[in-house]
Amino acid sequence: MKEFIIDTCKWYLDEEMDNTSKNNTIEKFKSRYEPLLGFLFESQLYKCSLPKTLEDWKRLEIKLSDFTEEGLELVMHCHDQWLDSVEKGVSPKNIKLWERELYKIRQDPNQSLIQALN
């Protein structure tokens, strides 16, 4: 599968930003993805270690290859809808959608989008 970046902090940073604005942007990216990546990591769906410092978050690229097959399935089901809801003001800590969809995937693995593509 060709490498594909799902999201990266770099996309939100502008060369002309002052350091305060850059740090605020990195913090916003971190606050958006930290609860989600923590859930995915604990569920053994995210294969990378979690970023520890602001500099790690700044460099982070969330890629398709970072996920297990089941994790990729979950991303395909949830990411866009979750991101839209976060942009509309829903807390990034609200991962109920992800939990619900993971439950469905694990209940009926024969309905896998990934398996259908293979």
N, C-alpha and C. Protein backbone atom coordinates (compact mmCIF):
# COMPACT_ATOMS: atom_id res chain seq x y z
N MET A 1 0.85 -1.17 0.00
CA MET A 1 0.00 0.00 0.00
C MET A 1 0.90 1.24 0.00
N LYS A 2 0.57 2.21 -0.82
CA LYS A 2 1.33 3.44 -0.90
C LYS A 2 1.18 4.21 0.41
N GLU A 3 2.29 4.81 0.86
CA GLU A 3 2.25 5.59 2.10
C GLU A 3 1.36 6.82 1.93
N PHE A 4 0.58 7.08 2.95
CA PHE A 4 -0.34 8.20 2.91
C PHE A 4 -0.37 8.84 4.29
N ILE A 5 -0.20 10.14 4.36
CA ILE A 5 -0.26 10.86 5.62
C ILE A 5 -1.71 11.26 5.88
N ILE A 6 -2.23 10.85 7.00
CA ILE A 6 -3.60 11.16 7.39
C ILE A 6 -3.66 12.59 7.94
N ASP A 7 -2.72 12.93 8.80
CA ASP A 7 -2.64 14.28 9.35
C ASP A 7 -1.24 14.49 9.90
N THR A 8 -0.84 15.75 9.94
CA THR A 8 0.46 16.12 10.51
C THR A 8 0.38 17.55 11.00
N CYS A 9 1.05 17.82 12.07
CA CYS A 9 1.06 19.16 12.66
C CYS A 9 1.64 20.17 11.67
N LYS A 10 2.57 19.74 10.85
CA LYS A 10 3.23 20.64 9.90
C LYS A 10 2.24 21.35 8.99
N TRP A 11 1.12 20.72 8.70
CA TRP A 11 0.13 21.32 7.81
C TRP A 11 -0.52 22.56 8.42
N TYR A 12 -0.46 22.68 9.73
CA TYR A 12 -1.12 23.78 10.43
C TYR A 12 -0.16 24.91 10.80
N LEU A 13 1.13 24.68 10.58
CA LEU A 13 2.14 25.68 10.94
C LEU A 13 2.50 26.52 9.72
N ASP A 14 2.70 27.80 9.97
CA ASP A 14 3.07 28.74 8.92
C ASP A 14 4.45 29.30 9.27
N GLU A 15 5.31 29.41 8.28
CA GLU A 15 6.66 29.95 8.48
C GLU A 15 6.64 31.31 9.16
N GLU A 16 5.62 32.10 8.89
CA GLU A 16 5.57 33.47 9.39
C GLU A 16 4.99 33.58 10.81
N MET A 17 4.59 32.46 11.39
CA MET A 17 4.05 32.49 12.76
C MET A 17 5.15 32.82 13.76
N ASP A 18 4.78 33.58 14.80
CA ASP A 18 5.74 33.79 15.88
C ASP A 18 5.75 32.54 16.76
N ASN A 19 6.72 32.46 17.66
CA ASN A 19 6.88 31.25 18.48
C ASN A 19 5.65 30.94 19.32
N THR A 20 4.99 31.96 19.84
CA THR A 20 3.79 31.74 20.65
C THR A 20 2.69 31.11 19.81
N SER A 21 2.48 31.63 18.61
CA SER A 21 1.46 31.09 17.72
C SER A 21 1.80 29.66 17.31
N LYS A 22 3.07 29.40 17.03
CA LYS A 22 3.49 28.04 16.67
C LYS A 22 3.22 27.08 17.83
N ASN A 23 3.60 27.48 19.03
CA ASN A 23 3.39 26.61 20.19
C ASN A 23 1.90 26.38 20.44
N ASN A 24 1.08 27.41 20.27
CA ASN A 24 -0.37 27.26 20.43
C ASN A 24 -0.93 26.28 19.40
N THR A 25 -0.43 26.35 18.17
CA THR A 25 -0.89 25.45 17.10
C THR A 25 -0.48 24.01 17.41
N ILE A 26 0.73 23.83 17.88
CA ILE A 26 1.20 22.49 18.25
C ILE A 26 0.38 21.95 19.41
N GLU A 27 0.12 22.79 20.40
CA GLU A 27 -0.71 22.37 21.55
C GLU A 27 -2.11 21.97 21.11
N LYS A 28 -2.68 22.72 20.17
CA LYS A 28 -4.02 22.39 19.67
C LYS A 28 -4.00 21.03 18.95
N PHE A 29 -2.98 20.80 18.13
CA PHE A 29 -2.84 19.51 17.44
C PHE A 29 -2.70 18.38 18.47
N LYS A 30 -1.86 18.62 19.47
CA LYS A 30 -1.65 17.63 20.52
C LYS A 30 -2.95 17.34 21.26
N SER A 31 -3.68 18.41 21.64
CA SER A 31 -4.92 18.19 22.40
C SER A 31 -5.97 17.47 21.57
N ARG A 32 -5.89 17.63 20.25
CA ARG A 32 -6.83 16.94 19.36
C ARG A 32 -6.50 15.45 19.29
N TYR A 33 -5.23 15.13 19.10
CA TYR A 33 -4.87 13.74 18.81
C TYR A 33 -4.41 12.92 20.01
N GLU A 34 -3.99 13.54 21.08
CA GLU A 34 -3.47 12.77 22.22
C GLU A 34 -4.49 11.78 22.78
N PRO A 35 -5.75 12.19 23.03
CA PRO A 35 -6.71 11.20 23.54
C PRO A 35 -6.98 10.07 22.55
N LEU A 36 -7.07 10.41 21.29
CA LEU A 36 -7.36 9.40 20.27
C LEU A 36 -6.20 8.43 20.10
N LEU A 37 -4.99 8.95 19.93
CA LEU A 37 -3.84 8.06 19.74
C LEU A 37 -3.60 7.22 21.00
N GLY A 38 -3.88 7.80 22.17
CA GLY A 38 -3.77 7.02 23.41
C GLY A 38 -4.72 5.84 23.41
N PHE A 39 -5.98 6.09 23.00
CA PHE A 39 -6.97 5.00 22.90
C PHE A 39 -6.52 3.95 21.89
N LEU A 40 -6.08 4.40 20.73
CA LEU A 40 -5.68 3.46 19.68
C LEU A 40 -4.44 2.66 20.09
N PHE A 41 -3.51 3.32 20.78
CA PHE A 41 -2.30 2.65 21.26
C PHE A 41 -2.67 1.60 22.31
N GLU A 42 -3.50 1.98 23.27
CA GLU A 42 -3.92 1.05 24.33
C GLU A 42 -4.72 -0.12 23.77
N SER A 43 -5.42 0.12 22.67
CA SER A 43 -6.21 -0.94 22.03
C SER A 43 -5.37 -1.77 21.07
N GLN A 44 -4.08 -1.49 21.03
CA GLN A 44 -3.11 -2.19 20.17
C GLN A 44 -3.46 -2.06 18.69
N LEU A 45 -3.90 -0.85 18.31
CA LEU A 45 -4.25 -0.56 16.92
C LEU A 45 -3.27 0.42 16.28
N TYR A 46 -2.52 1.14 17.11
CA TYR A 46 -1.54 2.14 16.67
C TYR A 46 -0.16 1.59 17.01
N LYS A 47 0.68 1.41 15.99
CA LYS A 47 1.95 0.70 16.16
C LYS A 47 3.11 1.58 16.63
N CYS A 48 2.94 2.88 16.65
CA CYS A 48 4.02 3.79 17.02
C CYS A 48 3.93 4.16 18.50
N SER A 49 5.04 4.68 19.01
CA SER A 49 4.99 5.19 20.38
C SER A 49 4.35 6.57 20.35
N LEU A 50 3.82 6.97 21.48
CA LEU A 50 3.15 8.26 21.57
C LEU A 50 4.18 9.37 21.73
N PRO A 51 3.96 10.50 21.08
CA PRO A 51 4.88 11.63 21.23
C PRO A 51 4.96 12.07 22.69
N LYS A 52 6.15 12.50 23.11
CA LYS A 52 6.34 12.89 24.50
C LYS A 52 6.50 14.40 24.66
N THR A 53 7.19 15.05 23.73
CA THR A 53 7.46 16.48 23.87
C THR A 53 6.71 17.26 22.79
N LEU A 54 6.67 18.57 22.97
CA LEU A 54 6.05 19.42 21.96
C LEU A 54 6.76 19.28 20.62
N GLU A 55 8.07 19.13 20.67
CA GLU A 55 8.85 18.95 19.44
C GLU A 55 8.46 17.65 18.74
N ASP A 56 8.20 16.59 19.52
CA ASP A 56 7.74 15.31 18.95
C ASP A 56 6.38 15.50 18.26
N TRP A 57 5.49 16.25 18.91
CA TRP A 57 4.17 16.50 18.32
C TRP A 57 4.30 17.32 17.04
N LYS A 58 5.23 18.27 17.05
CA LYS A 58 5.44 19.12 15.86
C LYS A 58 5.87 18.27 14.67
N ARG A 59 6.69 17.26 14.90
CA ARG A 59 7.21 16.41 13.82
C ARG A 59 6.29 15.25 13.46
N LEU A 60 5.29 14.99 14.29
CA LEU A 60 4.44 13.82 14.10
C LEU A 60 3.72 13.83 12.74
N GLU A 61 3.81 12.72 12.05
CA GLU A 61 3.01 12.45 10.86
C GLU A 61 2.21 11.19 11.15
N ILE A 62 0.90 11.30 11.11
CA ILE A 62 0.04 10.14 11.33
C ILE A 62 -0.20 9.52 9.96
N LYS A 63 0.35 8.31 9.77
CA LYS A 63 0.33 7.67 8.45
C LYS A 63 -0.47 6.37 8.49
N LEU A 64 -0.93 5.96 7.33
CA LEU A 64 -1.66 4.69 7.23
C LEU A 64 -0.84 3.54 7.80
N SER A 65 0.46 3.55 7.53
CA SER A 65 1.31 2.45 7.96
C SER A 65 1.51 2.40 9.47
N ASP A 66 1.05 3.42 10.19
CA ASP A 66 1.18 3.44 11.65
C ASP A 66 0.16 2.53 12.34
N PHE A 67 -0.77 2.00 11.58
CA PHE A 67 -1.89 1.26 12.17
C PHE A 67 -1.85 -0.22 11.80
N THR A 68 -2.36 -1.02 12.70
CA THR A 68 -2.59 -2.43 12.39
C THR A 68 -3.71 -2.50 11.36
N GLU A 69 -3.96 -3.67 10.83
CA GLU A 69 -5.05 -3.82 9.86
C GLU A 69 -6.38 -3.42 10.50
N GLU A 70 -6.60 -3.88 11.72
CA GLU A 70 -7.83 -3.53 12.42
C GLU A 70 -7.88 -2.02 12.71
N GLY A 71 -6.73 -1.44 13.06
CA GLY A 71 -6.67 -0.01 13.30
C GLY A 71 -6.96 0.80 12.05
N LEU A 72 -6.43 0.35 10.93
CA LEU A 72 -6.69 1.01 9.66
C LEU A 72 -8.18 0.94 9.31
N GLU A 73 -8.77 -0.20 9.56
CA GLU A 73 -10.21 -0.37 9.35
C GLU A 73 -10.98 0.68 10.18
N LEU A 74 -10.58 0.83 11.42
CA LEU A 74 -11.24 1.77 12.31
C LEU A 74 -11.05 3.21 11.82
N VAL A 75 -9.85 3.54 11.39
CA VAL A 75 -9.58 4.88 10.85
C VAL A 75 -10.48 5.16 9.65
N MET A 76 -10.62 4.18 8.78
CA MET A 76 -11.46 4.35 7.59
C MET A 76 -12.92 4.59 7.98
N HIS A 77 -13.35 3.99 9.06
CA HIS A 77 -14.73 4.15 9.52
C HIS A 77 -14.96 5.48 10.24
N CYS A 78 -13.94 5.98 10.96
CA CYS A 78 -14.19 7.03 11.94
C CYS A 78 -13.50 8.37 11.72
N HIS A 79 -12.33 8.39 11.15
CA HIS A 79 -11.50 9.59 11.22
C HIS A 79 -12.19 10.85 10.69
N ASP A 80 -12.73 10.81 9.51
CA ASP A 80 -13.32 12.02 8.93
C ASP A 80 -14.50 12.52 9.75
N GLN A 81 -15.36 11.61 10.17
CA GLN A 81 -16.53 11.99 10.97
C GLN A 81 -16.09 12.58 12.31
N TRP A 82 -15.11 11.95 12.94
CA TRP A 82 -14.59 12.43 14.22
C TRP A 82 -13.96 13.81 14.06
N LEU A 83 -13.14 13.97 13.04
CA LEU A 83 -12.47 15.25 12.82
C LEU A 83 -13.48 16.36 12.55
N ASP A 84 -14.50 16.07 11.76
CA ASP A 84 -15.56 17.06 11.52
C ASP A 84 -16.24 17.47 12.82
N SER A 85 -16.52 16.50 13.67
CA SER A 85 -17.20 16.82 14.93
C SER A 85 -16.29 17.64 15.85
N VAL A 86 -15.00 17.33 15.86
CA VAL A 86 -14.05 18.10 16.67
C VAL A 86 -13.98 19.54 16.15
N GLU A 87 -13.95 19.70 14.84
CA GLU A 87 -13.93 21.04 14.25
C GLU A 87 -15.19 21.83 14.60
N LYS A 88 -16.28 21.13 14.85
CA LYS A 88 -17.55 21.79 15.20
C LYS A 88 -17.68 22.00 16.71
N GLY A 89 -16.66 21.62 17.48
CA GLY A 89 -16.66 21.91 18.91
C GLY A 89 -16.80 20.73 19.85
N VAL A 90 -16.97 19.54 19.32
CA VAL A 90 -17.03 18.35 20.19
C VAL A 90 -15.63 18.12 20.76
N SER A 91 -15.55 17.75 22.00
CA SER A 91 -14.26 17.52 22.65
C SER A 91 -13.51 16.37 21.98
N PRO A 92 -12.22 16.57 21.70
CA PRO A 92 -11.41 15.46 21.14
C PRO A 92 -11.31 14.28 22.09
N LYS A 93 -11.62 14.51 23.35
CA LYS A 93 -11.58 13.41 24.33
C LYS A 93 -12.78 12.48 24.17
N ASN A 94 -13.78 12.93 23.43
CA ASN A 94 -14.97 12.11 23.20
C ASN A 94 -14.66 11.12 22.08
N ILE A 95 -14.35 9.91 22.48
CA ILE A 95 -13.99 8.88 21.50
C ILE A 95 -15.04 7.77 21.43
N LYS A 96 -16.25 8.11 21.82
CA LYS A 96 -17.35 7.13 21.80
C LYS A 96 -17.54 6.53 20.41
N LEU A 97 -17.46 7.35 19.36
CA LEU A 97 -17.58 6.86 17.98
C LEU A 97 -16.56 5.76 17.72
N TRP A 98 -15.31 6.01 18.11
CA TRP A 98 -14.24 5.04 17.90
C TRP A 98 -14.49 3.75 18.67
N GLU A 99 -14.92 3.89 19.91
CA GLU A 99 -15.21 2.72 20.74
C GLU A 99 -16.35 1.90 20.15
N ARG A 100 -17.40 2.57 19.72
CA ARG A 100 -18.57 1.89 19.15
C ARG A 100 -18.19 1.15 17.85
N GLU A 101 -17.45 1.83 16.98
CA GLU A 101 -17.07 1.21 15.71
C GLU A 101 -16.08 0.06 15.92
N LEU A 102 -15.18 0.21 16.87
CA LEU A 102 -14.25 -0.89 17.17
C LEU A 102 -15.02 -2.11 17.65
N TYR A 103 -16.01 -1.90 18.49
CA TYR A 103 -16.85 -3.00 18.96
C TYR A 103 -17.50 -3.71 17.77
N LYS A 104 -18.06 -2.93 16.84
CA LYS A 104 -18.71 -3.51 15.65
C LYS A 104 -17.71 -4.31 14.81
N ILE A 105 -16.54 -3.76 14.61
CA ILE A 105 -15.52 -4.44 13.80
C ILE A 105 -15.13 -5.76 14.45
N ARG A 106 -14.97 -5.74 15.74
CA ARG A 106 -14.56 -6.95 16.45
C ARG A 106 -15.68 -7.98 16.54
N GLN A 107 -16.92 -7.53 16.46
CA GLN A 107 -18.05 -8.46 16.50
C GLN A 107 -18.21 -9.20 15.18
N ASP A 108 -17.91 -8.52 14.07
CA ASP A 108 -18.10 -9.13 12.75
C ASP A 108 -16.93 -8.81 11.83
N PRO A 109 -15.79 -9.49 12.04
CA PRO A 109 -14.61 -9.22 11.23
C PRO A 109 -14.80 -9.57 9.75
N ASN A 110 -15.83 -10.33 9.41
CA ASN A 110 -16.07 -10.69 8.01
C ASN A 110 -16.58 -9.52 7.18
N GLN A 111 -17.00 -8.44 7.84
CA GLN A 111 -17.48 -7.24 7.16
C GLN A 111 -16.37 -6.23 6.92
N SER A 112 -15.12 -6.64 7.03
CA SER A 112 -13.97 -5.76 6.94
C SER A 112 -13.84 -5.07 5.58
N LEU A 113 -13.66 -3.76 5.61
CA LEU A 113 -13.37 -3.02 4.38
C LEU A 113 -12.00 -3.40 3.83
N ILE A 114 -11.05 -3.62 4.73
CA ILE A 114 -9.69 -3.97 4.33
C ILE A 114 -9.69 -5.32 3.61
N GLN A 115 -10.39 -6.30 4.16
CA GLN A 115 -10.45 -7.62 3.53
C GLN A 115 -11.12 -7.55 2.17
N ALA A 116 -12.11 -6.67 2.04
CA ALA A 116 -12.80 -6.51 0.77
C ALA A 116 -11.88 -5.95 -0.31
N LEU A 117 -10.88 -5.13 0.12
CA LEU A 117 -9.93 -4.55 -0.84
C LEU A 117 -8.87 -5.54 -1.28
N ASN A 118 -8.63 -6.55 -0.45
CA ASN A 118 -7.57 -7.54 -0.77
C ASN A 118 -8.04 -8.58 -1.74
